[in-house]
Amino acid sequence: MAGGWGCPHEVADRCTKINNLPCDPGMKGCELYGRFRFADESKNTRYWEKKARAADACPPATPDNKPE
């Protein structure tokens, strides 16, 4: 794995957390799943679902919806 981050679940290019499947950062079940954006947009669906829920739950403050 290149870069400064190493997954504690990756052993010999296999994910010990997910049934010894080949390590694919961002796959469902991965520590990173839904927490970060990836260059591969197919891995970002969970990220965008979480962002949409957060935006729906807390609309930005405007003069029309100020808390009293």
PDB file of N, CA and C in Angstrom:
ATOM      1  N   MET A   1       0.844  -1.173   0.000  1.00  0.00           N
ATOM      2  CA  MET A   1       0.000   0.000   0.000  1.00  0.00           C
ATOM      3  C   MET A   1       0.893   1.241   0.000  1.00  0.00           C
ATOM      4  N   ALA A   2       0.591   2.171  -0.869  1.00  0.00           N
ATOM      5  CA  ALA A   2       1.389   3.393  -0.974  1.00  0.00           C
ATOM      6  C   ALA A   2       0.831   4.467  -0.043  1.00  0.00           C
ATOM      7  N   GLY A   3       1.636   5.425   0.283  1.00  0.00           N
ATOM      8  CA  GLY A   3       1.186   6.542   1.102  1.00  0.00           C
ATOM      9  C   GLY A   3       1.523   6.354   2.563  1.00  0.00           C
ATOM     10  N   GLY A   4       1.023   7.266   3.393  1.00  0.00           N
ATOM     11  CA  GLY A   4       1.351   7.259   4.800  1.00  0.00           C
ATOM     12  C   GLY A   4       0.333   6.536   5.667  1.00  0.00           C
ATOM     13  N   TRP A   5      -0.710   6.013   5.084  1.00  0.00           N
ATOM     14  CA  TRP A   5      -1.734   5.339   5.873  1.00  0.00           C
ATOM     15  C   TRP A   5      -1.679   3.851   5.609  1.00  0.00           C
ATOM     16  N   GLY A   6      -1.769   3.074   6.642  1.00  0.00           N
ATOM     17  CA  GLY A   6      -1.825   1.630   6.498  1.00  0.00           C
ATOM     18  C   GLY A   6      -2.979   1.085   7.320  1.00  0.00           C
ATOM     19  N   CYS A   7      -3.779   0.242   6.733  1.00  0.00           N
ATOM     20  CA  CYS A   7      -4.941  -0.306   7.415  1.00  0.00           C
ATOM     21  C   CYS A   7      -4.504  -1.416   8.374  1.00  0.00           C
ATOM     22  N   PRO A   8      -4.964  -1.377   9.612  1.00  0.00           N
ATOM     23  CA  PRO A   8      -4.594  -2.426  10.556  1.00  0.00           C
ATOM     24  C   PRO A   8      -5.233  -3.779  10.218  1.00  0.00           C
ATOM     25  N   HIS A   9      -6.243  -3.775   9.350  1.00  0.00           N
ATOM     26  CA  HIS A   9      -6.928  -5.016   8.974  1.00  0.00           C
ATOM     27  C   HIS A   9      -6.330  -5.662   7.726  1.00  0.00           C
ATOM     28  N   GLU A  10      -5.415  -4.964   7.047  1.00  0.00           N
ATOM     29  CA  GLU A  10      -4.825  -5.486   5.816  1.00  0.00           C
ATOM     30  C   GLU A  10      -3.589  -6.326   6.135  1.00  0.00           C
ATOM     31  N   VAL A  11      -3.632  -7.578   5.735  1.00  0.00           N
ATOM     32  CA  VAL A  11      -2.501  -8.484   5.900  1.00  0.00           C
ATOM     33  C   VAL A  11      -2.299  -9.197   4.573  1.00  0.00           C
ATOM     34  N   ALA A  12      -1.151  -8.997   3.961  1.00  0.00           N
ATOM     35  CA  ALA A  12      -0.827  -9.620   2.669  1.00  0.00           C
ATOM     36  C   ALA A  12      -1.889  -9.301   1.622  1.00  0.00           C
ATOM     37  N   ASP A  13      -2.260  -8.030   1.521  1.00  0.00           N
ATOM     38  CA  ASP A  13      -3.261  -7.545   0.555  1.00  0.00           C
ATOM     39  C   ASP A  13      -4.638  -8.161   0.747  1.00  0.00           C
ATOM     40  N   ARG A  14      -4.940  -8.644   1.933  1.00  0.00           N
ATOM     41  CA  ARG A  14      -6.249  -9.215   2.267  1.00  0.00           C
ATOM     42  C   ARG A  14      -6.820  -8.466   3.459  1.00  0.00           C
ATOM     43  N   CYS A  15      -8.142  -8.343   3.519  1.00  0.00           N
ATOM     44  CA  CYS A  15      -8.804  -7.667   4.631  1.00  0.00           C
ATOM     45  C   CYS A  15      -9.231  -8.703   5.660  1.00  0.00           C
ATOM     46  N   THR A  16      -8.602  -8.677   6.830  1.00  0.00           N
ATOM     47  CA  THR A  16      -8.943  -9.637   7.874  1.00  0.00           C
ATOM     48  C   THR A  16     -10.281  -9.295   8.533  1.00  0.00           C
ATOM     49  N   LYS A  17     -10.770  -8.079   8.335  1.00  0.00           N
ATOM     50  CA  LYS A  17     -12.065  -7.666   8.901  1.00  0.00           C
ATOM     51  C   LYS A  17     -13.222  -8.194   8.051  1.00  0.00           C
ATOM     52  N   ILE A  18     -12.997  -8.317   6.750  1.00  0.00           N
ATOM     53  CA  ILE A  18     -14.064  -8.708   5.830  1.00  0.00           C
ATOM     54  C   ILE A  18     -13.724 -10.033   5.164  1.00  0.00           C
ATOM     55  N   ASN A  19     -13.747 -11.108   5.906  1.00  0.00           N
ATOM     56  CA  ASN A  19     -13.621 -12.479   5.381  1.00  0.00           C
ATOM     57  C   ASN A  19     -12.413 -12.720   4.484  1.00  0.00           C
ATOM     58  N   ASN A  20     -11.304 -12.068   4.762  1.00  0.00           N
ATOM     59  CA  ASN A  20     -10.082 -12.225   3.968  1.00  0.00           C
ATOM     60  C   ASN A  20     -10.273 -11.941   2.485  1.00  0.00           C
ATOM     61  N   LEU A  21     -11.181 -11.040   2.151  1.00  0.00           N
ATOM     62  CA  LEU A  21     -11.345 -10.613   0.764  1.00  0.00           C
ATOM     63  C   LEU A  21     -10.162  -9.734   0.376  1.00  0.00           C
ATOM     64  N   PRO A  22      -9.879  -9.610  -0.919  1.00  0.00           N
ATOM     65  CA  PRO A  22      -8.808  -8.696  -1.326  1.00  0.00           C
ATOM     66  C   PRO A  22      -9.109  -7.282  -0.825  1.00  0.00           C
ATOM     67  N   CYS A  23      -8.097  -6.617  -0.304  1.00  0.00           N
ATOM     68  CA  CYS A  23      -8.266  -5.273   0.238  1.00  0.00           C
ATOM     69  C   CYS A  23      -8.661  -4.306  -0.875  1.00  0.00           C
ATOM     70  N   ASP A  24      -9.781  -3.616  -0.657  1.00  0.00           N
ATOM     71  CA  ASP A  24     -10.274  -2.608  -1.590  1.00  0.00           C
ATOM     72  C   ASP A  24     -10.783  -1.453  -0.738  1.00  0.00           C
ATOM     73  N   PRO A  25      -9.922  -0.470  -0.430  1.00  0.00           N
ATOM     74  CA  PRO A  25     -10.328   0.617   0.460  1.00  0.00           C
ATOM     75  C   PRO A  25     -11.650   1.247   0.024  1.00  0.00           C
ATOM     76  N   GLY A  26     -12.573   1.329   0.952  1.00  0.00           N
ATOM     77  CA  GLY A  26     -13.868   1.923   0.684  1.00  0.00           C
ATOM     78  C   GLY A  26     -14.968   0.920   0.395  1.00  0.00           C
ATOM     79  N   MET A  27     -14.634  -0.370   0.281  1.00  0.00           N
ATOM     80  CA  MET A  27     -15.688  -1.353   0.019  1.00  0.00           C
ATOM     81  C   MET A  27     -16.587  -1.461   1.251  1.00  0.00           C
ATOM     82  N   LYS A  28     -17.811  -1.952   1.051  1.00  0.00           N
ATOM     83  CA  LYS A  28     -18.752  -2.078   2.153  1.00  0.00           C
ATOM     84  C   LYS A  28     -18.142  -2.943   3.250  1.00  0.00           C
ATOM     85  N   GLY A  29     -18.203  -2.435   4.480  1.00  0.00           N
ATOM     86  CA  GLY A  29     -17.618  -3.128   5.621  1.00  0.00           C
ATOM     87  C   GLY A  29     -16.249  -2.591   6.004  1.00  0.00           C
ATOM     88  N   CYS A  30     -15.618  -1.866   5.098  1.00  0.00           N
ATOM     89  CA  CYS A  30     -14.299  -1.281   5.339  1.00  0.00           C
ATOM     90  C   CYS A  30     -14.399  -0.154   6.370  1.00  0.00           C
ATOM     91  N   GLU A  31     -13.339   0.049   7.134  1.00  0.00           N
ATOM     92  CA  GLU A  31     -13.258   1.166   8.088  1.00  0.00           C
ATOM     93  C   GLU A  31     -13.575   2.496   7.411  1.00  0.00           C
ATOM     94  N   LEU A  32     -13.213   2.642   6.158  1.00  0.00           N
ATOM     95  CA  LEU A  32     -13.344   3.908   5.453  1.00  0.00           C
ATOM     96  C   LEU A  32     -14.701   4.088   4.770  1.00  0.00           C
ATOM     97  N   TYR A  33     -15.510   3.032   4.722  1.00  0.00           N
ATOM     98  CA  TYR A  33     -16.785   3.048   4.001  1.00  0.00           C
ATOM     99  C   TYR A  33     -17.686   4.174   4.503  1.00  0.00           C
ATOM    100  N   GLY A  34     -18.015   5.108   3.616  1.00  0.00           N
ATOM    101  CA  GLY A  34     -18.911   6.205   3.948  1.00  0.00           C
ATOM    102  C   GLY A  34     -18.298   7.352   4.714  1.00  0.00           C
ATOM    103  N   ARG A  35     -17.042   7.256   5.082  1.00  0.00           N
ATOM    104  CA  ARG A  35     -16.411   8.323   5.866  1.00  0.00           C
ATOM    105  C   ARG A  35     -15.655   9.315   5.003  1.00  0.00           C
ATOM    106  N   PHE A  36     -15.180   8.863   3.857  1.00  0.00           N
ATOM    107  CA  PHE A  36     -14.328   9.696   3.015  1.00  0.00           C
ATOM    108  C   PHE A  36     -14.773   9.616   1.571  1.00  0.00           C
ATOM    109  N   ARG A  37     -14.357  10.582   0.770  1.00  0.00           N
ATOM    110  CA  ARG A  37     -14.615  10.548  -0.672  1.00  0.00           C
ATOM    111  C   ARG A  37     -13.425   9.925  -1.365  1.00  0.00           C
ATOM    112  N   PHE A  38     -13.723   9.163  -2.411  1.00  0.00           N
ATOM    113  CA  PHE A  38     -12.694   8.481  -3.192  1.00  0.00           C
ATOM    114  C   PHE A  38     -12.711   8.997  -4.624  1.00  0.00           C
ATOM    115  N   ALA A  39     -11.618   8.825  -5.333  1.00  0.00           N
ATOM    116  CA  ALA A  39     -11.545   9.210  -6.743  1.00  0.00           C
ATOM    117  C   ALA A  39     -12.511   8.359  -7.570  1.00  0.00           C
ATOM    118  N   ASP A  40     -12.715   7.124  -7.157  1.00  0.00           N
ATOM    119  CA  ASP A  40     -13.655   6.218  -7.825  1.00  0.00           C
ATOM    120  C   ASP A  40     -15.055   6.532  -7.295  1.00  0.00           C
ATOM    121  N   GLU A  41     -15.882   7.217  -8.087  1.00  0.00           N
ATOM    122  CA  GLU A  41     -17.204   7.662  -7.639  1.00  0.00           C
ATOM    123  C   GLU A  41     -18.119   6.515  -7.229  1.00  0.00           C
ATOM    124  N   SER A  42     -17.880   5.309  -7.717  1.00  0.00           N
ATOM    125  CA  SER A  42     -18.736   4.184  -7.349  1.00  0.00           C
ATOM    126  C   SER A  42     -18.609   3.853  -5.857  1.00  0.00           C
ATOM    127  N   LYS A  43     -17.554   4.310  -5.209  1.00  0.00           N
ATOM    128  CA  LYS A  43     -17.352   4.063  -3.781  1.00  0.00           C
ATOM    129  C   LYS A  43     -17.917   5.177  -2.907  1.00  0.00           C
ATOM    130  N   ASN A  44     -18.504   6.198  -3.522  1.00  0.00           N
ATOM    131  CA  ASN A  44     -18.941   7.370  -2.773  1.00  0.00           C
ATOM    132  C   ASN A  44     -20.441   7.411  -2.486  1.00  0.00           C
ATOM    133  N   THR A  45     -21.193   6.372  -2.819  1.00  0.00           N
ATOM    134  CA  THR A  45     -22.639   6.431  -2.619  1.00  0.00           C
ATOM    135  C   THR A  45     -22.998   6.620  -1.151  1.00  0.00           C
ATOM    136  N   ARG A  46     -22.376   5.893  -0.265  1.00  0.00           N
ATOM    137  CA  ARG A  46     -22.668   6.014   1.163  1.00  0.00           C
ATOM    138  C   ARG A  46     -22.299   7.400   1.677  1.00  0.00           C
ATOM    139  N   TYR A  47     -21.191   7.962   1.206  1.00  0.00           N
ATOM    140  CA  TYR A  47     -20.765   9.312   1.596  1.00  0.00           C
ATOM    141  C   TYR A  47     -21.861  10.326   1.246  1.00  0.00           C
ATOM    142  N   TRP A  48     -22.385  10.252   0.016  1.00  0.00           N
ATOM    143  CA  TRP A  48     -23.394  11.217  -0.419  1.00  0.00           C
ATOM    144  C   TRP A  48     -24.729  10.997   0.304  1.00  0.00           C
ATOM    145  N   GLU A  49     -25.068   9.747   0.643  1.00  0.00           N
ATOM    146  CA  GLU A  49     -26.288   9.487   1.422  1.00  0.00           C
ATOM    147  C   GLU A  49     -26.196  10.158   2.790  1.00  0.00           C
ATOM    148  N   LYS A  50     -25.051  10.030   3.449  1.00  0.00           N
ATOM    149  CA  LYS A  50     -24.864  10.647   4.757  1.00  0.00           C
ATOM    150  C   LYS A  50     -24.925  12.164   4.662  1.00  0.00           C
ATOM    151  N   LYS A  51     -24.318  12.737   3.624  1.00  0.00           N
ATOM    152  CA  LYS A  51     -24.343  14.199   3.446  1.00  0.00           C
ATOM    153  C   LYS A  51     -25.776  14.689   3.241  1.00  0.00           C
ATOM    154  N   ALA A  52     -26.563  13.964   2.461  1.00  0.00           N
ATOM    155  CA  ALA A  52     -27.941  14.370   2.188  1.00  0.00           C
ATOM    156  C   ALA A  52     -28.780  14.319   3.461  1.00  0.00           C
ATOM    157  N   ARG A  53     -28.604  13.266   4.277  1.00  0.00           N
ATOM    158  CA  ARG A  53     -29.343  13.166   5.537  1.00  0.00           C
ATOM    159  C   ARG A  53     -28.968  14.305   6.474  1.00  0.00           C
ATOM    160  N   ALA A  54     -27.700  14.641   6.531  1.00  0.00           N
ATOM    161  CA  ALA A  54     -27.256  15.730   7.409  1.00  0.00           C
ATOM    162  C   ALA A  54     -27.844  17.061   6.951  1.00  0.00           C
ATOM    163  N   ALA A  55     -27.910  17.275   5.646  1.00  0.00           N
ATOM    164  CA  ALA A  55     -28.459  18.522   5.124  1.00  0.00           C
ATOM    165  C   ALA A  55     -29.965  18.607   5.386  1.00  0.00           C
ATOM    166  N   ASP A  56     -30.674  17.482   5.289  1.00  0.00           N
ATOM    167  CA  ASP A  56     -32.115  17.471   5.541  1.00  0.00           C
ATOM    168  C   ASP A  56     -32.430  17.689   7.022  1.00  0.00           C
ATOM    169  N   ALA A  57     -31.600  17.159   7.883  1.00  0.00           N
ATOM    170  CA  ALA A  57     -31.849  17.244   9.319  1.00  0.00           C
ATOM    171  C   ALA A  57     -31.583  18.630   9.883  1.00  0.00           C
ATOM    172  N   CYS A  58     -30.682  19.355   9.275  1.00  0.00           N
ATOM    173  CA  CYS A  58     -30.286  20.645   9.819  1.00  0.00           C
ATOM    174  C   CYS A  58     -30.194  21.686   8.703  1.00  0.00           C
ATOM    175  N   PRO A  59     -31.337  22.296   8.331  1.00  0.00           N
ATOM    176  CA  PRO A  59     -31.276  23.299   7.259  1.00  0.00           C
ATOM    177  C   PRO A  59     -30.504  24.529   7.715  1.00  0.00           C
ATOM    178  N   PRO A  60     -29.866  25.202   6.784  1.00  0.00           N
ATOM    179  CA  PRO A  60     -29.091  26.389   7.163  1.00  0.00           C
ATOM    180  C   PRO A  60     -29.998  27.494   7.700  1.00  0.00           C
ATOM    181  N   ALA A  61     -29.495  28.276   8.624  1.00  0.00           N
ATOM    182  CA  ALA A  61     -30.272  29.357   9.210  1.00  0.00           C
ATOM    183  C   ALA A  61     -30.455  30.472   8.198  1.00  0.00           C
ATOM    184  N   THR A  62     -31.708  30.860   8.007  1.00  0.00           N
ATOM    185  CA  THR A  62     -32.053  31.987   7.138  1.00  0.00           C
ATOM    186  C   THR A  62     -33.005  32.870   7.939  1.00  0.00           C
ATOM    187  N   PRO A  63     -33.274  34.073   7.479  1.00  0.00           N
ATOM    188  CA  PRO A  63     -34.212  34.920   8.218  1.00  0.00           C
ATOM    189  C   PRO A  63     -35.584  34.274   8.405  1.00  0.00           C
ATOM    190  N   ASP A  64     -35.962  33.365   7.479  1.00  0.00           N
ATOM    191  CA  ASP A  64     -37.275  32.723   7.574  1.00  0.00           C
ATOM    192  C   ASP A  64     -37.327  31.600   8.603  1.00  0.00           C
ATOM    193  N   ASN A  65     -36.209  30.929   8.870  1.00  0.00           N
ATOM    194  CA  ASN A  65     -36.251  29.795   9.797  1.00  0.00           C
ATOM    195  C   ASN A  65     -35.288  29.962  10.981  1.00  0.00           C
ATOM    196  N   LYS A  66     -35.124  31.187  11.451  1.00  0.00           N
ATOM    197  CA  LYS A  66     -34.277  31.426  12.614  1.00  0.00           C
ATOM    198  C   LYS A  66     -34.902  30.801  13.853  1.00  0.00           C
ATOM    199  N   PRO A  67     -34.077  30.200  14.718  1.00  0.00           N
ATOM    200  CA  PRO A  67     -34.621  29.708  15.989  1.00  0.00           C
ATOM    201  C   PRO A  67     -34.992  30.893  16.879  1.00  0.00           C
ATOM    202  N   GLU A  68     -36.050  30.724  17.661  1.00  0.00           N
ATOM    203  CA  GLU A  68     -36.484  31.831  18.527  1.00  0.00           C
ATOM    204  C   GLU A  68     -36.008  31.678  19.922  1.00  0.00           C
TER     205      GLU A  68
END
